[in-house]
Amino acid sequence: MVTRAAYKLYGDSPAVTELKQFPDRGHSLTVDHGW
């Protein structure tokens, strides 16, 4: 939810953004499976 909200904030920005979801992945990438 927080990530989607942050992504939406870039809607009017010239920044290049993309939202990609990875099911069953946490935020500590190097310690989670599938990192």
All heavy atoms as atom14 arrays in JSON, in Angstrom:
{
  "sequence": "MVTRAAYKLYGDSPAVTELKQFPDRGHSLTVDHGW",
  "atom14_mask": [
    [1, 1, 1, 1, 1, 1, 1, 1, 0, 0, 0, 0, 0, 0],
    [1, 1, 1, 1, 1, 1, 1, 0, 0, 0, 0, 0, 0, 0],
    [1, 1, 1, 1, 1, 1, 1, 0, 0, 0, 0, 0, 0, 0],
    [1, 1, 1, 1, 1, 1, 1, 1, 1, 1, 1, 0, 0, 0],
    [1, 1, 1, 1, 1, 0, 0, 0, 0, 0, 0, 0, 0, 0],
    [1, 1, 1, 1, 1, 0, 0, 0, 0, 0, 0, 0, 0, 0],
    [1, 1, 1, 1, 1, 1, 1, 1, 1, 1, 1, 1, 0, 0],
    [1, 1, 1, 1, 1, 1, 1, 1, 1, 0, 0, 0, 0, 0],
    [1, 1, 1, 1, 1, 1, 1, 1, 0, 0, 0, 0, 0, 0],
    [1, 1, 1, 1, 1, 1, 1, 1, 1, 1, 1, 1, 0, 0],
    [1, 1, 1, 1, 0, 0, 0, 0, 0, 0, 0, 0, 0, 0],
    [1, 1, 1, 1, 1, 1, 1, 1, 0, 0, 0, 0, 0, 0],
    [1, 1, 1, 1, 1, 1, 0, 0, 0, 0, 0, 0, 0, 0],
    [1, 1, 1, 1, 1, 1, 1, 0, 0, 0, 0, 0, 0, 0],
    [1, 1, 1, 1, 1, 0, 0, 0, 0, 0, 0, 0, 0, 0],
    [1, 1, 1, 1, 1, 1, 1, 0, 0, 0, 0, 0, 0, 0],
    [1, 1, 1, 1, 1, 1, 1, 0, 0, 0, 0, 0, 0, 0],
    [1, 1, 1, 1, 1, 1, 1, 1, 1, 0, 0, 0, 0, 0],
    [1, 1, 1, 1, 1, 1, 1, 1, 0, 0, 0, 0, 0, 0],
    [1, 1, 1, 1, 1, 1, 1, 1, 1, 0, 0, 0, 0, 0],
    [1, 1, 1, 1, 1, 1, 1, 1, 1, 0, 0, 0, 0, 0],
    [1, 1, 1, 1, 1, 1, 1, 1, 1, 1, 1, 0, 0, 0],
    [1, 1, 1, 1, 1, 1, 1, 0, 0, 0, 0, 0, 0, 0],
    [1, 1, 1, 1, 1, 1, 1, 1, 0, 0, 0, 0, 0, 0],
    [1, 1, 1, 1, 1, 1, 1, 1, 1, 1, 1, 0, 0, 0],
    [1, 1, 1, 1, 0, 0, 0, 0, 0, 0, 0, 0, 0, 0],
    [1, 1, 1, 1, 1, 1, 1, 1, 1, 1, 0, 0, 0, 0],
    [1, 1, 1, 1, 1, 1, 0, 0, 0, 0, 0, 0, 0, 0],
    [1, 1, 1, 1, 1, 1, 1, 1, 0, 0, 0, 0, 0, 0],
    [1, 1, 1, 1, 1, 1, 1, 0, 0, 0, 0, 0, 0, 0],
    [1, 1, 1, 1, 1, 1, 1, 0, 0, 0, 0, 0, 0, 0],
    [1, 1, 1, 1, 1, 1, 1, 1, 0, 0, 0, 0, 0, 0],
    [1, 1, 1, 1, 1, 1, 1, 1, 1, 1, 0, 0, 0, 0],
    [1, 1, 1, 1, 0, 0, 0, 0, 0, 0, 0, 0, 0, 0],
    [1, 1, 1, 1, 1, 1, 1, 1, 1, 1, 1, 1, 1, 1]
  ],
  "atom14_positions": [
    [[0.82, -1.18, 0.0], [0.0, 0.0, 0.0], [0.87, 1.26, 0.0], [0.6, 2.2, -0.74], [-0.93, -0.03, 1.21], [-1.81, 1.18, 1.3], [-2.82, 1.22, 2.78], [-4.17, 0.23, 2.26], [0.0, 0.0, 0.0], [0.0, 0.0, 0.0], [0.0, 0.0, 0.0], [0.0, 0.0, 0.0], [0.0, 0.0, 0.0], [0.0, 0.0, 0.0]],
    [[1.92, 1.26, 0.8], [2.81, 2.42, 0.89], [3.54, 2.61, -0.45], [3.67, 3.74, -0.93], [3.81, 2.26, 2.05], [4.85, 3.36, 2.04], [3.08, 2.23, 3.38], [0.0, 0.0, 0.0], [0.0, 0.0, 0.0], [0.0, 0.0, 0.0], [0.0, 0.0, 0.0], [0.0, 0.0, 0.0], [0.0, 0.0, 0.0], [0.0, 0.0, 0.0]],
    [[3.97, 1.52, -1.03], [4.69, 1.61, -2.31], [3.79, 2.16, -3.41], [4.21, 3.0, -4.21], [5.22, 0.23, -2.72], [6.07, -0.25, -1.68], [6.01, 0.31, -4.0], [0.0, 0.0, 0.0], [0.0, 0.0, 0.0], [0.0, 0.0, 0.0], [0.0, 0.0, 0.0], [0.0, 0.0, 0.0], [0.0, 0.0, 0.0], [0.0, 0.0, 0.0]],
    [[2.56, 1.7, -3.46], [1.62, 2.21, -4.47], [1.37, 3.7, -4.28], [1.29, 4.46, -5.24], [0.31, 1.45, -4.41], [0.41, 0.08, -4.99], [-0.95, -0.57, -5.06], [-0.77, -1.98, -5.28], [-1.49, -2.91, -4.72], [-2.46, -2.58, -3.89], [-1.26, -4.17, -4.96], [0.0, 0.0, 0.0], [0.0, 0.0, 0.0], [0.0, 0.0, 0.0]],
    [[1.24, 4.13, -3.04], [1.01, 5.55, -2.75], [2.21, 6.38, -3.21], [2.04, 7.45, -3.81], [0.75, 5.76, -1.27], [0.0, 0.0, 0.0], [0.0, 0.0, 0.0], [0.0, 0.0, 0.0], [0.0, 0.0, 0.0], [0.0, 0.0, 0.0], [0.0, 0.0, 0.0], [0.0, 0.0, 0.0], [0.0, 0.0, 0.0], [0.0, 0.0, 0.0]],
    [[3.41, 5.91, -2.93], [4.61, 6.63, -3.37], [4.68, 6.68, -4.89], [5.01, 7.71, -5.48], [5.86, 5.96, -2.81], [0.0, 0.0, 0.0], [0.0, 0.0, 0.0], [0.0, 0.0, 0.0], [0.0, 0.0, 0.0], [0.0, 0.0, 0.0], [0.0, 0.0, 0.0], [0.0, 0.0, 0.0], [0.0, 0.0, 0.0], [0.0, 0.0, 0.0]],
    [[4.35, 5.57, -5.54], [4.34, 5.52, -7.01], [3.38, 6.55, -7.58], [3.7, 7.26, -8.52], [3.97, 4.1, -7.46], [3.85, 3.95, -8.95], [4.99, 3.97, -9.76], [2.62, 3.77, -9.56], [4.89, 3.82, -11.13], [2.52, 3.61, -10.92], [3.65, 3.64, -11.7], [3.55, 3.48, -13.07], [0.0, 0.0, 0.0], [0.0, 0.0, 0.0]],
    [[2.2, 6.66, -7.0], [1.2, 7.62, -7.48], [1.68, 9.06, -7.33], [1.33, 9.92, -8.13], [-0.12, 7.42, -6.75], [-0.84, 6.17, -7.18], [-2.14, 6.0, -6.41], [-2.83, 4.71, -6.81], [-4.09, 4.54, -6.09], [0.0, 0.0, 0.0], [0.0, 0.0, 0.0], [0.0, 0.0, 0.0], [0.0, 0.0, 0.0], [0.0, 0.0, 0.0]],
    [[2.49, 9.33, -6.32], [3.02, 10.68, -6.13], [3.89, 11.12, -7.29], [4.05, 12.31, -7.54], [3.81, 10.77, -4.82], [2.98, 10.67, -3.54], [3.89, 10.62, -2.32], [2.02, 11.85, -3.44], [0.0, 0.0, 0.0], [0.0, 0.0, 0.0], [0.0, 0.0, 0.0], [0.0, 0.0, 0.0], [0.0, 0.0, 0.0], [0.0, 0.0, 0.0]],
    [[4.47, 10.18, -8.01], [5.31, 10.49, -9.16], [4.5, 10.7, -10.44], [5.06, 10.97, -11.48], [6.35, 9.39, -9.39], [7.51, 9.46, -8.44], [7.53, 8.72, -7.27], [8.59, 10.29, -8.72], [8.61, 8.79, -6.4], [9.67, 10.37, -7.85], [9.66, 9.61, -6.7], [10.73, 9.69, -5.84], [0.0, 0.0, 0.0], [0.0, 0.0, 0.0]],
    [[3.2, 10.57, -10.36], [2.33, 10.68, -11.53], [2.52, 11.95, -12.35], [2.49, 11.92, -13.58], [0.0, 0.0, 0.0], [0.0, 0.0, 0.0], [0.0, 0.0, 0.0], [0.0, 0.0, 0.0], [0.0, 0.0, 0.0], [0.0, 0.0, 0.0], [0.0, 0.0, 0.0], [0.0, 0.0, 0.0], [0.0, 0.0, 0.0], [0.0, 0.0, 0.0]],
    [[2.72, 13.07, -11.7], [2.9, 14.35, -12.41], [4.36, 14.73, -12.58], [4.67, 15.8, -13.07], [2.18, 15.47, -11.65], [0.67, 15.27, -11.64], [0.14, 14.71, -12.62], [0.02, 15.68, -10.65], [0.0, 0.0, 0.0], [0.0, 0.0, 0.0], [0.0, 0.0, 0.0], [0.0, 0.0, 0.0], [0.0, 0.0, 0.0], [0.0, 0.0, 0.0]],
    [[5.24, 13.84, -12.2], [6.68, 14.09, -12.27], [7.24, 13.64, -13.61], [6.74, 12.69, -14.21], [7.38, 13.32, -11.14], [8.77, 13.31, -11.35], [0.0, 0.0, 0.0], [0.0, 0.0, 0.0], [0.0, 0.0, 0.0], [0.0, 0.0, 0.0], [0.0, 0.0, 0.0], [0.0, 0.0, 0.0], [0.0, 0.0, 0.0], [0.0, 0.0, 0.0]],
    [[8.3, 14.29, -14.08], [8.94, 13.83, -15.31], [9.83, 12.59, -15.07], [10.4, 12.04, -16.01], [9.8, 15.02, -15.73], [10.1, 15.74, -14.47], [8.88, 15.54, -13.6], [0.0, 0.0, 0.0], [0.0, 0.0, 0.0], [0.0, 0.0, 0.0], [0.0, 0.0, 0.0], [0.0, 0.0, 0.0], [0.0, 0.0, 0.0], [0.0, 0.0, 0.0]],
    [[9.91, 12.13, -13.83], [10.74, 10.96, -13.51], [10.19, 9.71, -14.19], [8.98, 9.53, -14.32], [10.78, 10.74, -12.0], [0.0, 0.0, 0.0], [0.0, 0.0, 0.0], [0.0, 0.0, 0.0], [0.0, 0.0, 0.0], [0.0, 0.0, 0.0], [0.0, 0.0, 0.0], [0.0, 0.0, 0.0], [0.0, 0.0, 0.0], [0.0, 0.0, 0.0]],
    [[11.07, 8.85, -14.62], [10.68, 7.58, -15.22], [10.48, 6.6, -14.07], [11.4, 6.34, -13.3], [11.76, 7.06, -16.19], [11.36, 5.71, -16.76], [12.0, 8.07, -17.3], [0.0, 0.0, 0.0], [0.0, 0.0, 0.0], [0.0, 0.0, 0.0], [0.0, 0.0, 0.0], [0.0, 0.0, 0.0], [0.0, 0.0, 0.0], [0.0, 0.0, 0.0]],
    [[9.27, 6.09, -13.96], [8.96, 5.17, -12.87], [8.21, 3.96, -13.39], [7.63, 3.99, -14.48], [8.1, 5.85, -11.78], [6.89, 6.28, -12.38], [8.82, 7.01, -11.15], [0.0, 0.0, 0.0], [0.0, 0.0, 0.0], [0.0, 0.0, 0.0], [0.0, 0.0, 0.0], [0.0, 0.0, 0.0], [0.0, 0.0, 0.0], [0.0, 0.0, 0.0]],
    [[8.24, 2.91, -12.63], [7.49, 1.71, -12.96], [7.22, 0.98, -11.65], [8.08, 0.93, -10.76], [8.31, 0.82, -13.89], [7.62, -0.46, -14.28], [8.47, -1.28, -15.23], [8.97, -0.73, -16.23], [8.65, -2.47, -14.95], [0.0, 0.0, 0.0], [0.0, 0.0, 0.0], [0.0, 0.0, 0.0], [0.0, 0.0, 0.0], [0.0, 0.0, 0.0]],
    [[6.04, 0.43, -11.54], [5.69, -0.35, -10.35], [5.68, -1.81, -10.75], [4.96, -2.22, -11.65], [4.32, 0.05, -9.82], [3.81, -0.74, -8.61], [4.74, -0.53, -7.42], [2.4, -0.33, -8.28], [0.0, 0.0, 0.0], [0.0, 0.0, 0.0], [0.0, 0.0, 0.0], [0.0, 0.0, 0.0], [0.0, 0.0, 0.0], [0.0, 0.0, 0.0]],
    [[6.52, -2.58, -10.12], [6.61, -4.03, -10.36], [6.44, -4.72, -9.02], [7.16, -4.42, -8.07], [7.96, -4.38, -10.98], [8.25, -5.86, -11.08], [7.4, -6.52, -12.11], [7.84, -7.97, -12.28], [6.84, -8.76, -12.94], [0.0, 0.0, 0.0], [0.0, 0.0, 0.0], [0.0, 0.0, 0.0], [0.0, 0.0, 0.0], [0.0, 0.0, 0.0]],
    [[5.47, -5.6, -8.94], [5.25, -6.34, -7.71], [5.83, -7.74, -7.83], [5.74, -8.37, -8.88], [3.76, -6.41, -7.4], [3.17, -5.05, -7.11], [1.69, -5.13, -6.82], [0.94, -5.78, -7.52], [1.29, -4.46, -5.74], [0.0, 0.0, 0.0], [0.0, 0.0, 0.0], [0.0, 0.0, 0.0], [0.0, 0.0, 0.0], [0.0, 0.0, 0.0]],
    [[6.43, -8.19, -6.75], [6.99, -9.53, -6.67], [6.27, -10.26, -5.55], [6.56, -10.03, -4.37], [8.49, -9.47, -6.39], [9.29, -8.88, -7.51], [9.5, -7.51, -7.57], [9.82, -9.67, -8.5], [10.21, -6.95, -8.61], [10.54, -9.12, -9.54], [10.74, -7.76, -9.6], [0.0, 0.0, 0.0], [0.0, 0.0, 0.0], [0.0, 0.0, 0.0]],
    [[5.33, -11.13, -5.89], [4.58, -11.85, -4.86], [5.52, -12.64, -3.93], [6.53, -13.19, -4.38], [3.7, -12.8, -5.64], [3.61, -12.21, -7.02], [4.92, -11.5, -7.23], [0.0, 0.0, 0.0], [0.0, 0.0, 0.0], [0.0, 0.0, 0.0], [0.0, 0.0, 0.0], [0.0, 0.0, 0.0], [0.0, 0.0, 0.0], [0.0, 0.0, 0.0]],
    [[5.18, -12.67, -2.68], [5.93, -13.43, -1.67], [7.35, -12.95, -1.47], [8.24, -13.73, -1.12], [5.94, -14.93, -2.01], [4.54, -15.49, -2.11], [3.68, -15.07, -1.3], [4.3, -16.33, -3.0], [0.0, 0.0, 0.0], [0.0, 0.0, 0.0], [0.0, 0.0, 0.0], [0.0, 0.0, 0.0], [0.0, 0.0, 0.0], [0.0, 0.0, 0.0]],
    [[7.62, -11.67, -1.71], [8.95, -11.12, -1.48], [8.85, -10.06, -0.4], [7.91, -9.27, -0.38], [9.54, -10.46, -2.74], [9.66, -11.33, -3.95], [10.61, -12.49, -3.73], [11.0, -13.15, -4.94], [10.29, -14.06, -5.59], [9.12, -14.4, -5.15], [10.76, -14.63, -6.67], [0.0, 0.0, 0.0], [0.0, 0.0, 0.0], [0.0, 0.0, 0.0]],
    [[9.82, -10.04, 0.5], [9.86, -9.02, 1.53], [10.69, -7.83, 1.09], [11.06, -7.7, -0.07], [0.0, 0.0, 0.0], [0.0, 0.0, 0.0], [0.0, 0.0, 0.0], [0.0, 0.0, 0.0], [0.0, 0.0, 0.0], [0.0, 0.0, 0.0], [0.0, 0.0, 0.0], [0.0, 0.0, 0.0], [0.0, 0.0, 0.0], [0.0, 0.0, 0.0]],
    [[11.01, -6.97, 2.03], [11.78, -5.77, 1.72], [13.28, -5.94, 1.96], [14.07, -5.12, 1.52], [11.27, -4.59, 2.56], [9.86, -4.23, 2.25], [9.5, -3.66, 1.06], [8.72, -4.4, 2.96], [8.18, -3.47, 1.05], [7.69, -3.91, 2.18], [0.0, 0.0, 0.0], [0.0, 0.0, 0.0], [0.0, 0.0, 0.0], [0.0, 0.0, 0.0]],
    [[13.68, -6.98, 2.66], [15.1, -7.22, 2.92], [15.64, -8.15, 1.84], [15.92, -9.32, 2.08], [15.28, -7.84, 4.31], [14.72, -7.0, 5.29], [0.0, 0.0, 0.0], [0.0, 0.0, 0.0], [0.0, 0.0, 0.0], [0.0, 0.0, 0.0], [0.0, 0.0, 0.0], [0.0, 0.0, 0.0], [0.0, 0.0, 0.0], [0.0, 0.0, 0.0]],
    [[15.78, -7.62, 0.65], [16.01, -8.43, -0.53], [17.1, -9.48, -0.41], [16.9, -10.61, -0.82], [16.32, -7.52, -1.73], [15.19, -6.58, -2.12], [15.63, -5.72, -3.3], [13.95, -7.35, -2.46], [0.0, 0.0, 0.0], [0.0, 0.0, 0.0], [0.0, 0.0, 0.0], [0.0, 0.0, 0.0], [0.0, 0.0, 0.0], [0.0, 0.0, 0.0]],
    [[18.25, -9.14, 0.11], [19.35, -10.11, 0.1], [19.18, -11.23, 1.11], [19.93, -12.2, 1.06], [20.71, -9.42, 0.32], [20.7, -8.74, 1.58], [21.02, -8.46, -0.79], [0.0, 0.0, 0.0], [0.0, 0.0, 0.0], [0.0, 0.0, 0.0], [0.0, 0.0, 0.0], [0.0, 0.0, 0.0], [0.0, 0.0, 0.0], [0.0, 0.0, 0.0]],
    [[18.21, -11.13, 2.0], [17.97, -12.22, 2.93], [16.68, -12.96, 2.64], [16.37, -13.95, 3.29], [17.98, -11.73, 4.41], [19.33, -11.17, 4.79], [16.88, -10.72, 4.65], [0.0, 0.0, 0.0], [0.0, 0.0, 0.0], [0.0, 0.0, 0.0], [0.0, 0.0, 0.0], [0.0, 0.0, 0.0], [0.0, 0.0, 0.0], [0.0, 0.0, 0.0]],
    [[15.92, -12.52, 1.67], [14.67, -13.16, 1.3], [14.88, -14.09, 0.11], [15.74, -13.84, -0.74], [13.61, -12.13, 0.92], [13.1, -11.35, 2.1], [13.16, -11.88, 3.22], [12.64, -10.21, 1.91], [0.0, 0.0, 0.0], [0.0, 0.0, 0.0], [0.0, 0.0, 0.0], [0.0, 0.0, 0.0], [0.0, 0.0, 0.0], [0.0, 0.0, 0.0]],
    [[14.07, -15.14, 0.06], [14.14, -16.02, -1.1], [13.73, -15.23, -2.34], [12.92, -14.32, -2.26], [13.23, -17.24, -0.91], [11.78, -16.94, -1.08], [11.04, -16.3, -0.1], [10.94, -17.16, -2.11], [9.8, -16.15, -0.53], [9.71, -16.66, -1.73], [0.0, 0.0, 0.0], [0.0, 0.0, 0.0], [0.0, 0.0, 0.0], [0.0, 0.0, 0.0]],
    [[14.33, -15.55, -3.45], [14.0, -14.88, -4.7], [14.64, -13.52, -4.9], [14.3, -12.81, -5.85], [0.0, 0.0, 0.0], [0.0, 0.0, 0.0], [0.0, 0.0, 0.0], [0.0, 0.0, 0.0], [0.0, 0.0, 0.0], [0.0, 0.0, 0.0], [0.0, 0.0, 0.0], [0.0, 0.0, 0.0], [0.0, 0.0, 0.0], [0.0, 0.0, 0.0]],
    [[15.57, -13.14, -4.05], [16.16, -11.8, -4.16], [16.9, -11.62, -5.48], [16.94, -10.52, -6.04], [17.08, -11.47, -2.99], [18.36, -12.25, -2.95], [18.57, -13.43, -2.3], [19.6, -11.91, -3.58], [19.86, -13.85, -2.49], [20.52, -12.94, -3.28], [20.02, -10.86, -4.38], [21.82, -12.94, -3.75], [21.33, -10.85, -4.84], [22.21, -11.88, -4.53]]
  ]
}
